[in-house]
Protein backbone atom coordinates (compact mmCIF):
# COMPACT_ATOMS: atom_id res chain seq x y z
CA MET A 1 23.96 -169.43 42.95
CA PRO A 2 24.62 -172.92 44.30
CA GLU A 3 27.55 -174.99 43.09
CA SER A 4 25.38 -177.28 41.01
CA PHE A 5 28.09 -178.19 38.50
CA ALA A 6 31.22 -180.25 38.89
CA LEU A 7 33.05 -177.56 36.90
CA VAL A 8 32.21 -174.90 39.50
CA ARG A 9 33.36 -177.15 42.34
CA LEU A 10 36.58 -177.92 40.47
CA LEU A 11 37.31 -174.24 39.81
CA ASN A 12 36.77 -173.41 43.47
CA ALA A 13 39.01 -176.28 44.53
CA LEU A 14 41.76 -175.01 42.22
CA PHE A 15 41.52 -171.24 42.55
CA MET A 16 39.46 -170.27 45.60
CA GLY A 17 41.71 -168.45 48.04
CA VAL A 18 44.54 -167.84 45.56
CA GLU A 19 44.20 -164.07 45.88
CA VAL A 20 44.16 -164.29 49.69
CA LYS A 21 47.30 -166.44 49.73
CA ALA A 22 49.02 -163.97 47.42
CA PHE A 23 48.24 -161.07 49.79
CA GLN A 24 49.20 -163.12 52.83
CA SER A 25 52.58 -163.90 51.26
CA ILE A 26 53.45 -160.19 51.40
CA GLY A 27 51.89 -159.70 54.83
CA LEU A 28 48.78 -157.74 53.85
CA PHE A 29 46.10 -160.14 55.13
CA PRO A 30 45.99 -162.11 58.38
CA ALA A 31 45.33 -165.86 58.34
CA GLU A 32 41.65 -165.25 59.17
CA ALA A 33 41.23 -163.52 55.82
CA ALA A 34 40.85 -166.92 54.13
CA GLN A 35 37.14 -166.60 54.90
CA GLN A 36 37.03 -163.67 52.46
CA ALA A 37 38.30 -165.73 49.53
CA VAL A 38 36.61 -164.99 46.22
CA LYS A 39 34.38 -167.87 45.21
CA VAL A 40 33.54 -168.94 41.66
CA ASN A 41 29.76 -169.05 41.23
CA GLN A 42 27.61 -170.88 38.72
CA ALA A 43 27.34 -167.91 36.36
CA LEU A 44 31.11 -167.55 36.05
CA GLY A 45 31.55 -171.29 35.68
CA LEU A 46 29.05 -171.38 32.82
CA GLU A 47 30.68 -168.37 31.16
CA LEU A 48 34.04 -170.13 31.23
CA LEU A 49 32.42 -173.25 29.82
CA VAL A 50 30.88 -171.26 26.95
CA ALA A 51 34.18 -169.49 26.25
CA GLY A 52 36.01 -172.83 26.23
CA GLY A 53 33.40 -174.27 23.88
CA PHE A 54 33.85 -171.38 21.44
CA ILE A 55 37.62 -171.76 21.47
CA ALA A 56 37.30 -175.48 20.77
CA PHE A 57 34.77 -174.85 17.97
CA PHE A 58 36.89 -172.28 16.16
CA VAL A 59 40.05 -174.35 16.56
CA LEU A 60 38.17 -177.25 14.98
CA VAL A 61 37.01 -175.04 12.11
CA ARG A 62 40.52 -173.72 11.55
CA LEU A 63 42.10 -177.18 11.54
CA THR A 64 39.52 -178.64 9.15
CA LEU A 65 39.17 -175.82 6.62
CA SER A 66 38.35 -177.11 3.16
CA VAL A 67 37.37 -175.28 -0.03
CA GLU A 68 36.03 -178.33 -1.81
CA LYS A 69 34.30 -180.18 1.04
CA PRO A 70 33.47 -177.82 3.93
CA ASN A 71 32.23 -179.67 6.99
CA PRO A 72 29.10 -178.58 8.92
CA ALA A 73 31.14 -176.63 11.49
CA GLN A 74 32.82 -174.64 8.72
CA GLN A 75 29.49 -173.97 7.02
CA ILE A 76 28.00 -172.65 10.26
CA ALA A 77 31.03 -170.42 10.82
CA GLU A 78 30.81 -169.07 7.26
CA VAL A 79 27.11 -168.23 7.62
CA ILE A 80 27.75 -166.41 10.90
CA HIS A 81 30.69 -164.57 9.33
CA GLU A 82 28.73 -163.47 6.26
CA VAL A 83 25.63 -162.35 8.18
CA GLY A 84 27.67 -160.48 10.79
CA GLY A 85 29.90 -158.95 8.13
CA GLY A 86 26.96 -157.73 6.07
CA LEU A 87 25.38 -156.05 9.08
CA ALA A 88 28.67 -154.51 10.20
CA ASP A 89 29.27 -153.16 6.70
CA GLN A 90 25.89 -151.40 6.75
CA ILE A 91 26.29 -149.90 10.23
CA ILE A 92 30.03 -149.30 10.69
CA GLY A 93 30.92 -148.91 7.03
CA HIS A 94 34.47 -148.61 5.72
CA GLY A 95 36.98 -150.62 7.74
CA TYR A 96 34.34 -152.74 9.48
CA GLU A 97 36.45 -155.88 9.01
CA ARG A 98 38.72 -155.15 11.97
CA PHE A 99 35.70 -154.94 14.31
CA GLN A 100 33.78 -157.90 12.95
CA ALA A 101 35.41 -160.56 15.13
CA PHE A 102 34.60 -158.61 18.30
CA VAL A 103 30.94 -157.92 17.56
CA THR A 104 30.39 -161.47 16.30
CA CYS A 105 31.88 -162.93 19.47
CA ILE A 106 29.71 -160.59 21.55
CA PHE A 107 26.60 -161.84 19.74
CA LEU A 108 27.48 -165.53 20.07
CA PHE A 109 28.57 -165.25 23.69
CA VAL A 110 25.40 -163.42 24.76
CA LEU A 111 23.20 -165.78 22.75
CA ILE A 112 24.60 -169.03 24.15
CA ASN A 113 24.59 -167.70 27.71
CA ASN A 114 20.95 -166.70 27.23
CA LEU A 115 19.99 -170.10 25.82
CA LEU A 116 21.53 -171.94 28.76
CA GLY A 117 18.42 -170.95 30.67
CA LEU A 118 16.51 -173.57 28.66
CA ILE A 119 18.28 -176.35 30.56
CA PRO A 120 16.11 -177.50 33.50
CA GLY A 121 17.55 -176.37 36.81
CA VAL A 122 19.98 -173.94 35.20
CA SER A 123 19.69 -170.17 35.37
CA ALA A 124 21.07 -168.31 32.37
CA PRO A 125 24.30 -166.51 33.37
CA THR A 126 22.83 -163.29 31.97
CA VAL A 127 20.21 -163.41 34.75
CA SER A 128 23.05 -162.46 37.09
CA PRO A 129 23.44 -158.65 36.79
CA PHE A 130 27.23 -158.89 36.97
CA VAL A 131 27.39 -160.76 33.64
CA PRO A 132 25.55 -158.10 31.57
CA LEU A 133 27.54 -155.44 33.42
CA GLY A 134 30.82 -157.15 32.55
CA LEU A 135 29.81 -157.37 28.90
CA ALA A 136 28.71 -153.73 28.87
CA VAL A 137 32.00 -152.58 30.41
CA THR A 138 33.89 -154.63 27.80
CA VAL A 139 31.97 -152.94 24.96
CA PHE A 140 32.50 -149.52 26.57
CA ILE A 141 36.26 -149.99 26.86
CA TYR A 142 36.53 -151.47 23.36
CA TYR A 143 34.68 -148.79 21.41
CA ASN A 144 36.40 -145.97 23.29
CA PHE A 145 39.79 -147.59 22.67
CA GLN A 146 38.99 -147.89 18.98
CA GLY A 147 37.82 -144.28 18.90
CA VAL A 148 41.10 -143.08 20.43
CA ARG A 149 43.04 -145.38 18.11
CA ALA A 150 41.25 -144.07 15.02
CA GLN A 151 41.22 -140.36 15.83
CA GLY A 152 43.96 -139.92 18.37
CA PRO A 153 43.38 -138.82 21.99
CA ILE A 154 42.90 -135.13 21.11
CA GLY A 155 40.66 -135.83 18.14
CA TYR A 156 38.46 -138.19 20.14
CA LEU A 157 38.14 -135.67 22.99
CA LYS A 158 37.18 -133.02 20.43
CA GLN A 159 34.48 -135.32 19.09
CA ILE A 160 33.07 -135.75 22.61
CA ALA A 161 33.28 -132.00 23.23
CA GLY A 162 31.20 -131.26 20.11
CA PRO A 163 31.76 -129.13 17.00
CA ILE A 164 31.28 -125.75 18.74
CA TRP A 165 34.39 -125.01 20.79
CA TRP A 166 32.83 -122.33 22.97
CA MET A 167 30.09 -124.80 24.03
CA ALA A 168 32.57 -127.52 24.98
CA TRP A 169 32.32 -126.69 28.69
CA LEU A 170 28.64 -127.69 28.56
CA LEU A 171 28.63 -130.44 25.93
CA PHE A 172 31.63 -132.39 27.21
CA PRO A 173 30.13 -133.37 30.60
CA ILE A 174 26.78 -134.14 28.92
CA GLU A 175 28.45 -136.39 26.35
CA PHE A 176 30.61 -138.00 29.02
CA ILE A 177 27.54 -138.88 31.09
CA SER A 178 25.76 -140.18 27.99
CA HIS A 179 28.69 -142.53 27.31
CA LEU A 180 28.47 -143.87 30.85
CA ALA A 181 24.71 -144.24 30.42
CA ARG A 182 25.37 -146.57 27.50
CA MET A 183 26.85 -149.09 29.92
CA LEU A 184 23.82 -148.79 32.16
CA SER A 185 21.47 -149.18 29.19
CA LEU A 186 23.22 -152.30 27.89
CA THR A 187 23.29 -153.85 31.35
CA ILE A 188 19.69 -153.19 32.32
CA ARG A 189 18.24 -154.12 28.92
CA LEU A 190 19.91 -157.53 28.83
CA TYR A 191 19.51 -158.33 32.53
CA ALA A 192 15.88 -157.21 32.85
CA ASN A 193 14.66 -159.01 29.73
CA MET A 194 16.42 -162.28 30.50
CA PHE A 195 15.37 -162.17 34.16
CA ALA A 196 11.74 -161.61 33.17
CA SER A 197 11.89 -164.40 30.58
CA ASP A 198 13.35 -166.82 33.12
CA MET A 199 10.74 -165.94 35.73
CA VAL A 200 7.84 -166.36 33.29
CA THR A 201 9.13 -169.74 32.09
CA LEU A 202 9.78 -170.95 35.65
CA GLY A 203 6.37 -169.76 36.79
CA PHE A 204 4.46 -171.64 34.11
CA PHE A 205 6.58 -174.76 34.61
CA SER A 206 5.60 -174.76 38.28
CA LEU A 207 1.89 -174.24 37.47
CA VAL A 208 1.48 -176.46 34.41
CA PRO A 209 4.52 -178.73 33.99
CA VAL A 210 3.33 -180.28 30.70
CA GLY A 211 2.32 -178.71 27.38
CA VAL A 212 1.85 -175.00 28.07
CA PRO A 213 5.49 -174.29 29.13
CA VAL A 214 6.67 -175.33 25.65
CA ILE A 215 5.20 -172.06 24.35
CA PHE A 216 7.23 -170.12 26.87
CA LEU A 217 10.38 -172.08 26.04
CA GLY A 218 9.88 -170.89 22.47
CA LEU A 219 9.41 -167.36 23.79
CA HIS A 220 12.64 -167.71 25.78
CA ILE A 221 14.51 -168.71 22.61
CA PHE A 222 13.03 -165.74 20.76
CA VAL A 223 13.97 -163.31 23.55
CA SER A 224 17.47 -164.81 23.72
CA PHE A 225 18.07 -164.18 20.03
CA ILE A 226 16.57 -160.68 20.12
CA GLN A 227 18.61 -159.59 23.14
CA ALA A 228 21.84 -160.97 21.68
CA PHE A 229 21.11 -159.23 18.38
CA VAL A 230 20.29 -155.91 20.08
CA PHE A 231 23.45 -156.11 22.18
CA MET A 232 25.53 -156.67 19.04
CA LEU A 233 23.65 -153.96 17.12
CA LEU A 234 24.23 -151.34 19.81
CA SER A 235 27.90 -152.32 20.00
CA MET A 236 28.18 -151.71 16.25
CA ILE A 237 26.43 -148.34 16.54
CA TYR A 238 28.76 -147.21 19.33
CA LEU A 239 31.77 -148.31 17.26
CA SER A 240 30.42 -146.47 14.24
CA LEU A 241 30.07 -143.25 16.23
CA ALA A 242 33.50 -143.65 17.79
CA VAL A 243 35.35 -144.00 14.45
CA SER A 244 32.95 -141.88 12.39
CA HIS A 245 35.61 -139.56 10.96
CA GLU A 246 36.83 -142.42 8.75
CA HIS A 247 33.50 -142.69 6.89
């Protein structure tokens, strides 16, 4: 993606080549390796912008908490908390509170990154396959970590191996592959749907720039919400399965 934002240019000016210089300082890379410097692209720049916006929003909410006169930011945060908590309670069950912050952040992060595609000339970061993949890997690591934390390493491995010990040699590799397939499923579902939505919207904007594209902008908003919700829902289901012995 082109460096269409000042933020992306600034990040590249500050950090591009840092990893190469670090390796060069210990003699691993020659001077010509500067051409291989990792470059910040538009998708990563927008992700950092969204993350920074969330941090600023929640800091604002925390600093202005009021029981008697909640401000609009606090009211929005409370609605998100209650809706997410109610859903997590139904799916994860007992002890859902310690997972609520993670799944709520996943939903909000995916949603806002999806909606950025509504801005003319901007591609949603989730149209880049590396963004859905990064989110899927994060969910994969998180729910497995929580599973090990809740059941212990041996208990979690027993869960993966299945209830019949003499079938473990067959069930364990099958379950292991199915866990890896969850990452692939999360990645492809989010990437494919957002890519298709972006292409449809762009196509109709190029054909009929006035009137008709508004319908597809509405469709893009709908798809953005649905995909963020599905991503959060699947994350909750995987967490529920990982810590299921507590229910």
